Amino acid sequence: MPVVVTQLEGDSRKIRQSIFWGSAIPLIMFLAWNAVILGSVTPDVVQNGVNFDPLQILRAGGAGEWLGLLVSIFSEFAMAFRPA
């Protein structure tokens, strides 16, 4: 928090906005990711109790070619820009 306050020069409106958006954006990304994963599970997989890899299904294009490509690109960027 001290770094945020210093960077935003103590402006409480900017601090509140930065904390709100800094929390809201990752939350939205997390909920979207869960929706994609849960939406890609077919009822027969759940009923049969088969172990499956949802990421592999998405990469293979099980939910559409473009989504598979976007998941692959996102995964590569996540690995390339991970914290040290």
PDB file of N, CA and C in Angstrom:
ATOM      1  N   MET A   1       0.803  -1.200   0.000  1.00  0.00           N
ATOM      2  CA  MET A   1       0.000   0.000   0.000  1.00  0.00           C
ATOM      3  C   MET A   1       0.850   1.271   0.000  1.00  0.00           C
ATOM      4  N   PRO A   2       1.944   1.331   0.760  1.00  0.00           N
ATOM      5  CA  PRO A   2       2.724   2.575   0.744  1.00  0.00           C
ATOM      6  C   PRO A   2       3.214   2.946  -0.650  1.00  0.00           C
ATOM      7  N   VAL A   3       3.557   1.952  -1.462  1.00  0.00           N
ATOM      8  CA  VAL A   3       4.032   2.238  -2.810  1.00  0.00           C
ATOM      9  C   VAL A   3       2.907   2.824  -3.650  1.00  0.00           C
ATOM     10  N   VAL A   4       1.704   2.263  -3.527  1.00  0.00           N
ATOM     11  CA  VAL A   4       0.557   2.773  -4.282  1.00  0.00           C
ATOM     12  C   VAL A   4       0.267   4.216  -3.880  1.00  0.00           C
ATOM     13  N   VAL A   5       0.261   4.481  -2.589  1.00  0.00           N
ATOM     14  CA  VAL A   5      -0.007   5.833  -2.092  1.00  0.00           C
ATOM     15  C   VAL A   5       1.051   6.802  -2.600  1.00  0.00           C
ATOM     16  N   THR A   6       2.296   6.388  -2.576  1.00  0.00           N
ATOM     17  CA  THR A   6       3.381   7.249  -3.050  1.00  0.00           C
ATOM     18  C   THR A   6       3.264   7.503  -4.551  1.00  0.00           C
ATOM     19  N   GLN A   7       3.032   6.451  -5.314  1.00  0.00           N
ATOM     20  CA  GLN A   7       2.937   6.589  -6.765  1.00  0.00           C
ATOM     21  C   GLN A   7       1.766   7.470  -7.178  1.00  0.00           C
ATOM     22  N   LEU A   8       0.665   7.387  -6.435  1.00  0.00           N
ATOM     23  CA  LEU A   8      -0.526   8.165  -6.783  1.00  0.00           C
ATOM     24  C   LEU A   8      -0.611   9.470  -6.001  1.00  0.00           C
ATOM     25  N   GLU A   9       0.476   9.835  -5.370  1.00  0.00           N
ATOM     26  CA  GLU A   9       0.626  11.109  -4.678  1.00  0.00           C
ATOM     27  C   GLU A   9      -0.446  11.363  -3.628  1.00  0.00           C
ATOM     28  N   GLY A  10      -0.903  10.316  -2.965  1.00  0.00           N
ATOM     29  CA  GLY A  10      -1.855  10.449  -1.869  1.00  0.00           C
ATOM     30  C   GLY A  10      -3.270  10.802  -2.282  1.00  0.00           C
ATOM     31  N   ASP A  11      -3.571  10.797  -3.582  1.00  0.00           N
ATOM     32  CA  ASP A  11      -4.922  11.110  -4.067  1.00  0.00           C
ATOM     33  C   ASP A  11      -5.842   9.933  -3.766  1.00  0.00           C
ATOM     34  N   SER A  12      -6.743  10.119  -2.788  1.00  0.00           N
ATOM     35  CA  SER A  12      -7.572   8.997  -2.321  1.00  0.00           C
ATOM     36  C   SER A  12      -8.498   8.476  -3.420  1.00  0.00           C
ATOM     37  N   ARG A  13      -8.980   9.341  -4.308  1.00  0.00           N
ATOM     38  CA  ARG A  13      -9.848   8.888  -5.396  1.00  0.00           C
ATOM     39  C   ARG A  13      -9.082   7.953  -6.332  1.00  0.00           C
ATOM     40  N   LYS A  14      -7.868   8.327  -6.696  1.00  0.00           N
ATOM     41  CA  LYS A  14      -7.043   7.489  -7.576  1.00  0.00           C
ATOM     42  C   LYS A  14      -6.662   6.182  -6.881  1.00  0.00           C
ATOM     43  N   ILE A  15      -6.377   6.251  -5.591  1.00  0.00           N
ATOM     44  CA  ILE A  15      -6.006   5.043  -4.845  1.00  0.00           C
ATOM     45  C   ILE A  15      -7.172   4.058  -4.824  1.00  0.00           C
ATOM     46  N   ARG A  16      -8.376   4.562  -4.527  1.00  0.00           N
ATOM     47  CA  ARG A  16      -9.566   3.685  -4.521  1.00  0.00           C
ATOM     48  C   ARG A  16      -9.794   3.067  -5.889  1.00  0.00           C
ATOM     49  N   GLN A  17      -9.674   3.864  -6.941  1.00  0.00           N
ATOM     50  CA  GLN A  17      -9.870   3.347  -8.296  1.00  0.00           C
ATOM     51  C   GLN A  17      -8.820   2.285  -8.643  1.00  0.00           C
ATOM     52  N   SER A  18      -7.578   2.545  -8.281  1.00  0.00           N
ATOM     53  CA  SER A  18      -6.533   1.573  -8.610  1.00  0.00           C
ATOM     54  C   SER A  18      -6.743   0.257  -7.867  1.00  0.00           C
ATOM     55  N   ILE A  19      -7.157   0.331  -6.617  1.00  0.00           N
ATOM     56  CA  ILE A  19      -7.410  -0.897  -5.859  1.00  0.00           C
ATOM     57  C   ILE A  19      -8.627  -1.625  -6.430  1.00  0.00           C
ATOM     58  N   PHE A  20      -9.670  -0.880  -6.765  1.00  0.00           N
ATOM     59  CA  PHE A  20     -10.874  -1.494  -7.334  1.00  0.00           C
ATOM     60  C   PHE A  20     -10.554  -2.194  -8.650  1.00  0.00           C
ATOM     61  N   TRP A  21      -9.971  -1.461  -9.612  1.00  0.00           N
ATOM     62  CA  TRP A  21      -9.687  -2.040 -10.920  1.00  0.00           C
ATOM     63  C   TRP A  21      -8.586  -3.092 -10.851  1.00  0.00           C
ATOM     64  N   GLY A  22      -7.648  -2.916  -9.937  1.00  0.00           N
ATOM     65  CA  GLY A  22      -6.600  -3.916  -9.763  1.00  0.00           C
ATOM     66  C   GLY A  22      -7.122  -5.229  -9.207  1.00  0.00           C
ATOM     67  N   SER A  23      -8.268  -5.180  -8.567  1.00  0.00           N
ATOM     68  CA  SER A  23      -8.916  -6.398  -8.067  1.00  0.00           C
ATOM     69  C   SER A  23      -9.978  -6.900  -9.036  1.00  0.00           C
ATOM     70  N   ALA A  24     -10.696  -5.984  -9.676  1.00  0.00           N
ATOM     71  CA  ALA A  24     -11.805  -6.370 -10.560  1.00  0.00           C
ATOM     72  C   ALA A  24     -11.322  -7.059 -11.832  1.00  0.00           C
ATOM     73  N   ILE A  25     -10.257  -6.560 -12.419  1.00  0.00           N
ATOM     74  CA  ILE A  25      -9.781  -7.142 -13.678  1.00  0.00           C
ATOM     75  C   ILE A  25      -9.333  -8.596 -13.502  1.00  0.00           C
ATOM     76  N   PRO A  26      -8.508  -8.929 -12.501  1.00  0.00           N
ATOM     77  CA  PRO A  26      -8.176 -10.348 -12.313  1.00  0.00           C
ATOM     78  C   PRO A  26      -9.393 -11.208 -11.961  1.00  0.00           C
ATOM     79  N   LEU A  27     -10.346 -10.638 -11.205  1.00  0.00           N
ATOM     80  CA  LEU A  27     -11.563 -11.392 -10.875  1.00  0.00           C
ATOM     81  C   LEU A  27     -12.342 -11.720 -12.136  1.00  0.00           C
ATOM     82  N   ILE A  28     -12.494 -10.755 -13.021  1.00  0.00           N
ATOM     83  CA  ILE A  28     -13.216 -10.991 -14.276  1.00  0.00           C
ATOM     84  C   ILE A  28     -12.498 -12.039 -15.118  1.00  0.00           C
ATOM     85  N   MET A  29     -11.170 -11.953 -15.182  1.00  0.00           N
ATOM     86  CA  MET A  29     -10.407 -12.949 -15.939  1.00  0.00           C
ATOM     87  C   MET A  29     -10.563 -14.339 -15.338  1.00  0.00           C
ATOM     88  N   PHE A  30     -10.550 -14.430 -13.998  1.00  0.00           N
ATOM     89  CA  PHE A  30     -10.711 -15.713 -13.323  1.00  0.00           C
ATOM     90  C   PHE A  30     -12.097 -16.299 -13.593  1.00  0.00           C
ATOM     91  N   LEU A  31     -13.131 -15.479 -13.494  1.00  0.00           N
ATOM     92  CA  LEU A  31     -14.491 -15.968 -13.740  1.00  0.00           C
ATOM     93  C   LEU A  31     -14.682 -16.379 -15.195  1.00  0.00           C
ATOM     94  N   ALA A  32     -14.086 -15.620 -16.126  1.00  0.00           N
ATOM     95  CA  ALA A  32     -14.186 -15.990 -17.540  1.00  0.00           C
ATOM     96  C   ALA A  32     -13.485 -17.323 -17.802  1.00  0.00           C
ATOM     97  N   TRP A  33     -12.312 -17.502 -17.192  1.00  0.00           N
ATOM     98  CA  TRP A  33     -11.578 -18.759 -17.368  1.00  0.00           C
ATOM     99  C   TRP A  33     -12.389 -19.934 -16.823  1.00  0.00           C
ATOM    100  N   ASN A  34     -12.977 -19.770 -15.649  1.00  0.00           N
ATOM    101  CA  ASN A  34     -13.805 -20.837 -15.085  1.00  0.00           C
ATOM    102  C   ASN A  34     -15.013 -21.123 -15.952  1.00  0.00           C
ATOM    103  N   ALA A  35     -15.627 -20.088 -16.527  1.00  0.00           N
ATOM    104  CA  ALA A  35     -16.777 -20.294 -17.404  1.00  0.00           C
ATOM    105  C   ALA A  35     -16.375 -21.081 -18.648  1.00  0.00           C
ATOM    106  N   VAL A  36     -15.224 -20.778 -19.193  1.00  0.00           N
ATOM    107  CA  VAL A  36     -14.749 -21.500 -20.383  1.00  0.00           C
ATOM    108  C   VAL A  36     -14.474 -22.957 -20.038  1.00  0.00           C
ATOM    109  N   ILE A  37     -13.792 -23.180 -18.927  1.00  0.00           N
ATOM    110  CA  ILE A  37     -13.457 -24.563 -18.534  1.00  0.00           C
ATOM    111  C   ILE A  37     -14.720 -25.354 -18.226  1.00  0.00           C
ATOM    112  N   LEU A  38     -15.602 -24.781 -17.413  1.00  0.00           N
ATOM    113  CA  LEU A  38     -16.823 -25.501 -17.059  1.00  0.00           C
ATOM    114  C   LEU A  38     -17.749 -25.673 -18.255  1.00  0.00           C
ATOM    115  N   GLY A  39     -17.725 -24.717 -19.182  1.00  0.00           N
ATOM    116  CA  GLY A  39     -18.543 -24.826 -20.383  1.00  0.00           C
ATOM    117  C   GLY A  39     -18.034 -25.854 -21.363  1.00  0.00           C
ATOM    118  N   SER A  40     -16.780 -26.249 -21.238  1.00  0.00           N
ATOM    119  CA  SER A  40     -16.220 -27.221 -22.171  1.00  0.00           C
ATOM    120  C   SER A  40     -16.414 -28.667 -21.717  1.00  0.00           C
ATOM    121  N   VAL A  41     -16.934 -28.854 -20.515  1.00  0.00           N
ATOM    122  CA  VAL A  41     -17.156 -30.201 -19.995  1.00  0.00           C
ATOM    123  C   VAL A  41     -18.503 -30.710 -20.493  1.00  0.00           C
ATOM    124  N   THR A  42     -18.475 -31.832 -21.179  1.00  0.00           N
ATOM    125  CA  THR A  42     -19.714 -32.412 -21.685  1.00  0.00           C
ATOM    126  C   THR A  42     -20.331 -33.320 -20.617  1.00  0.00           C
ATOM    127  N   PRO A  43     -21.648 -33.484 -20.670  1.00  0.00           N
ATOM    128  CA  PRO A  43     -22.303 -34.321 -19.656  1.00  0.00           C
ATOM    129  C   PRO A  43     -21.809 -35.771 -19.630  1.00  0.00           C
ATOM    130  N   ASP A  44     -21.425 -36.324 -20.777  1.00  0.00           N
ATOM    131  CA  ASP A  44     -20.957 -37.715 -20.791  1.00  0.00           C
ATOM    132  C   ASP A  44     -19.639 -37.868 -20.041  1.00  0.00           C
ATOM    133  N   VAL A  45     -18.803 -36.845 -20.042  1.00  0.00           N
ATOM    134  CA  VAL A  45     -17.548 -36.898 -19.284  1.00  0.00           C
ATOM    135  C   VAL A  45     -17.849 -36.941 -17.795  1.00  0.00           C
ATOM    136  N   VAL A  46     -18.801 -36.140 -17.367  1.00  0.00           N
ATOM    137  CA  VAL A  46     -19.157 -36.084 -15.946  1.00  0.00           C
ATOM    138  C   VAL A  46     -19.806 -37.395 -15.506  1.00  0.00           C
ATOM    139  N   GLN A  47     -20.703 -37.935 -16.311  1.00  0.00           N
ATOM    140  CA  GLN A  47     -21.410 -39.166 -15.951  1.00  0.00           C
ATOM    141  C   GLN A  47     -20.480 -40.371 -15.927  1.00  0.00           C
ATOM    142  N   ASN A  48     -19.531 -40.426 -16.828  1.00  0.00           N
ATOM    143  CA  ASN A  48     -18.630 -41.571 -16.898  1.00  0.00           C
ATOM    144  C   ASN A  48     -17.499 -41.478 -15.895  1.00  0.00           C
ATOM    145  N   GLY A  49     -17.320 -40.318 -15.294  1.00  0.00           N
ATOM    146  CA  GLY A  49     -16.251 -40.153 -14.318  1.00  0.00           C
ATOM    147  C   GLY A  49     -14.866 -40.247 -14.930  1.00  0.00           C
ATOM    148  N   VAL A  50     -14.755 -39.911 -16.196  1.00  0.00           N
ATOM    149  CA  VAL A  50     -13.478 -39.986 -16.905  1.00  0.00           C
ATOM    150  C   VAL A  50     -12.595 -38.822 -16.470  1.00  0.00           C
ATOM    151  N   ASN A  51     -11.321 -39.114 -16.218  1.00  0.00           N
ATOM    152  CA  ASN A  51     -10.367 -38.046 -15.960  1.00  0.00           C
ATOM    153  C   ASN A  51     -10.060 -37.361 -17.282  1.00  0.00           C
ATOM    154  N   PHE A  52     -10.113 -36.051 -17.284  1.00  0.00           N
ATOM    155  CA  PHE A  52      -9.868 -35.320 -18.511  1.00  0.00           C
ATOM    156  C   PHE A  52      -9.052 -34.070 -18.213  1.00  0.00           C
ATOM    157  N   ASP A  53      -8.412 -33.555 -19.247  1.00  0.00           N
ATOM    158  CA  ASP A  53      -7.619 -32.338 -19.140  1.00  0.00           C
ATOM    159  C   ASP A  53      -8.335 -31.248 -19.924  1.00  0.00           C
ATOM    160  N   PRO A  54      -9.020 -30.328 -19.231  1.00  0.00           N
ATOM    161  CA  PRO A  54      -9.775 -29.304 -19.953  1.00  0.00           C
ATOM    162  C   PRO A  54      -8.896 -28.413 -20.820  1.00  0.00           C
ATOM    163  N   LEU A  55      -7.679 -28.164 -20.390  1.00  0.00           N
ATOM    164  CA  LEU A  55      -6.773 -27.339 -21.181  1.00  0.00           C
ATOM    165  C   LEU A  55      -6.442 -28.030 -22.498  1.00  0.00           C
ATOM    166  N   GLN A  56      -6.234 -29.332 -22.451  1.00  0.00           N
ATOM    167  CA  GLN A  56      -5.941 -30.084 -23.674  1.00  0.00           C
ATOM    168  C   GLN A  56      -7.145 -30.069 -24.612  1.00  0.00           C
ATOM    169  N   ILE A  57      -8.352 -30.162 -24.056  1.00  0.00           N
ATOM    170  CA  ILE A  57      -9.562 -30.106 -24.884  1.00  0.00           C
ATOM    171  C   ILE A  57      -9.661 -28.757 -25.579  1.00  0.00           C
ATOM    172  N   LEU A  58      -9.391 -27.681 -24.832  1.00  0.00           N
ATOM    173  CA  LEU A  58      -9.465 -26.344 -25.423  1.00  0.00           C
ATOM    174  C   LEU A  58      -8.382 -26.145 -26.476  1.00  0.00           C
ATOM    175  N   ARG A  59      -7.168 -26.603 -26.200  1.00  0.00           N
ATOM    176  CA  ARG A  59      -6.075 -26.453 -27.170  1.00  0.00           C
ATOM    177  C   ARG A  59      -6.338 -27.240 -28.446  1.00  0.00           C
ATOM    178  N   ALA A  60      -6.992 -28.387 -28.313  1.00  0.00           N
ATOM    179  CA  ALA A  60      -7.267 -29.223 -29.475  1.00  0.00           C
ATOM    180  C   ALA A  60      -8.403 -28.670 -30.332  1.00  0.00           C
ATOM    181  N   GLY A  61      -9.064 -27.628 -29.860  1.00  0.00           N
ATOM    182  CA  GLY A  61     -10.145 -27.034 -30.642  1.00  0.00           C
ATOM    183  C   GLY A  61     -11.497 -27.613 -30.327  1.00  0.00           C
ATOM    184  N   GLY A  62     -11.628 -28.265 -29.185  1.00  0.00           N
ATOM    185  CA  GLY A  62     -12.907 -28.850 -28.799  1.00  0.00           C
ATOM    186  C   GLY A  62     -14.001 -27.817 -28.601  1.00  0.00           C
ATOM    187  N   ALA A  63     -13.628 -26.584 -28.321  1.00  0.00           N
ATOM    188  CA  ALA A  63     -14.604 -25.508 -28.129  1.00  0.00           C
ATOM    189  C   ALA A  63     -14.517 -24.484 -29.248  1.00  0.00           C
ATOM    190  N   GLY A  64     -13.850 -24.815 -30.316  1.00  0.00           N
ATOM    191  CA  GLY A  64     -13.702 -23.903 -31.451  1.00  0.00           C
ATOM    192  C   GLY A  64     -12.226 -23.654 -31.741  1.00  0.00           C
ATOM    193  N   GLU A  65     -11.920 -23.483 -33.022  1.00  0.00           N
ATOM    194  CA  GLU A  65     -10.531 -23.291 -33.428  1.00  0.00           C
ATOM    195  C   GLU A  65      -9.921 -22.031 -32.845  1.00  0.00           C
ATOM    196  N   TRP A  66     -10.665 -20.913 -32.907  1.00  0.00           N
ATOM    197  CA  TRP A  66     -10.130 -19.639 -32.432  1.00  0.00           C
ATOM    198  C   TRP A  66      -9.887 -19.665 -30.943  1.00  0.00           C
ATOM    199  N   LEU A  67     -10.781 -20.285 -30.200  1.00  0.00           N
ATOM    200  CA  LEU A  67     -10.596 -20.364 -28.756  1.00  0.00           C
ATOM    201  C   LEU A  67      -9.370 -21.207 -28.431  1.00  0.00           C
ATOM    202  N   GLY A  68      -9.183 -22.297 -29.153  1.00  0.00           N
ATOM    203  CA  GLY A  68      -7.996 -23.124 -28.954  1.00  0.00           C
ATOM    204  C   GLY A  68      -6.720 -22.359 -29.213  1.00  0.00           C
ATOM    205  N   LEU A  69      -6.723 -21.544 -30.268  1.00  0.00           N
ATOM    206  CA  LEU A  69      -5.557 -20.730 -30.586  1.00  0.00           C
ATOM    207  C   LEU A  69      -5.314 -19.687 -29.502  1.00  0.00           C
ATOM    208  N   LEU A  70      -6.373 -19.023 -29.043  1.00  0.00           N
ATOM    209  CA  LEU A  70      -6.231 -18.012 -27.993  1.00  0.00           C
ATOM    210  C   LEU A  70      -5.729 -18.623 -26.690  1.00  0.00           C
ATOM    211  N   VAL A  71      -6.201 -19.807 -26.342  1.00  0.00           N
ATOM    212  CA  VAL A  71      -5.739 -20.480 -25.128  1.00  0.00           C
ATOM    213  C   VAL A  71      -4.257 -20.813 -25.245  1.00  0.00           C
ATOM    214  N   SER A  72      -3.836 -21.274 -26.399  1.00  0.00           N
ATOM    215  CA  SER A  72      -2.420 -21.591 -26.602  1.00  0.00           C
ATOM    216  C   SER A  72      -1.550 -20.338 -26.488  1.00  0.00           C
ATOM    217  N   ILE A  73      -1.989 -19.257 -27.107  1.00  0.00           N
ATOM    218  CA  ILE A  73      -1.223 -18.005 -27.033  1.00  0.00           C
ATOM    219  C   ILE A  73      -1.169 -17.508 -25.600  1.00  0.00           C
ATOM    220  N   PHE A  74      -2.309 -17.521 -24.903  1.00  0.00           N
ATOM    221  CA  PHE A  74      -2.348 -17.081 -23.508  1.00  0.00           C
ATOM    222  C   PHE A  74      -1.410 -17.933 -22.651  1.00  0.00           C
ATOM    223  N   SER A  75      -1.406 -19.234 -22.874  1.00  0.00           N
ATOM    224  CA  SER A  75      -0.546 -20.128 -22.097  1.00  0.00           C
ATOM    225  C   SER A  75       0.924 -19.826 -22.330  1.00  0.00           C
ATOM    226  N   GLU A  76       1.275 -19.566 -23.581  1.00  0.00           N
ATOM    227  CA  GLU A  76       2.668 -19.245 -23.890  1.00  0.00           C
ATOM    228  C   GLU A  76       3.090 -17.939 -23.230  1.00  0.00           C
ATOM    229  N   PHE A  77       2.234 -16.925 -23.278  1.00  0.00           N
ATOM    230  CA  PHE A  77       2.557 -15.653 -22.641  1.00  0.00           C
ATOM    231  C   PHE A  77       2.642 -15.800 -21.123  1.00  0.00           C
ATOM    232  N   ALA A  78       1.763 -16.623 -20.559  1.00  0.00           N
ATOM    233  CA  ALA A  78       1.796 -16.838 -19.114  1.00  0.00           C
ATOM    234  C   ALA A  78       3.120 -17.473 -18.685  1.00  0.00           C
ATOM    235  N   MET A  79       3.633 -18.365 -19.506  1.00  0.00           N
ATOM    236  CA  MET A  79       4.922 -18.994 -19.175  1.00  0.00           C
ATOM    237  C   MET A  79       6.091 -18.040 -19.423  1.00  0.00           C
ATOM    238  N   ALA A  80       5.993 -17.246 -20.484  1.00  0.00           N
ATOM    239  CA  ALA A  80       7.099 -16.355 -20.837  1.00  0.00           C
ATOM    240  C   ALA A  80       7.245 -15.189 -19.868  1.00  0.00           C
ATOM    241  N   PHE A  81       6.139 -14.700 -19.348  1.00  0.00           N
ATOM    242  CA  PHE A  81       6.176 -13.522 -18.505  1.00  0.00           C
ATOM    243  C   PHE A  81       5.895 -13.828 -17.043  1.00  0.00           C
ATOM    244  N   ARG A  82       6.137 -15.033 -16.614  1.00  0.00           N
ATOM    245  CA  ARG A  82       5.894 -15.383 -15.208  1.00  0.00           C
ATOM    246  C   ARG A  82       6.940 -14.713 -14.333  1.00  0.00           C
ATOM    247  N   PRO A  83       6.565 -14.421 -13.085  1.00  0.00           N
ATOM    248  CA  PRO A  83       7.538 -13.799 -12.178  1.00  0.00           C
ATOM    249  C   PRO A  83       8.722 -14.721 -11.901  1.00  0.00           C
ATOM    250  N   ALA A  84       9.859 -14.139 -11.671  1.00  0.00           N
ATOM    251  CA  ALA A  84      11.071 -14.920 -11.434  1.00  0.00           C
ATOM    252  C   ALA A  84      11.084 -15.569 -10.066  1.00  0.00           C
TER     253      ALA A  84
END
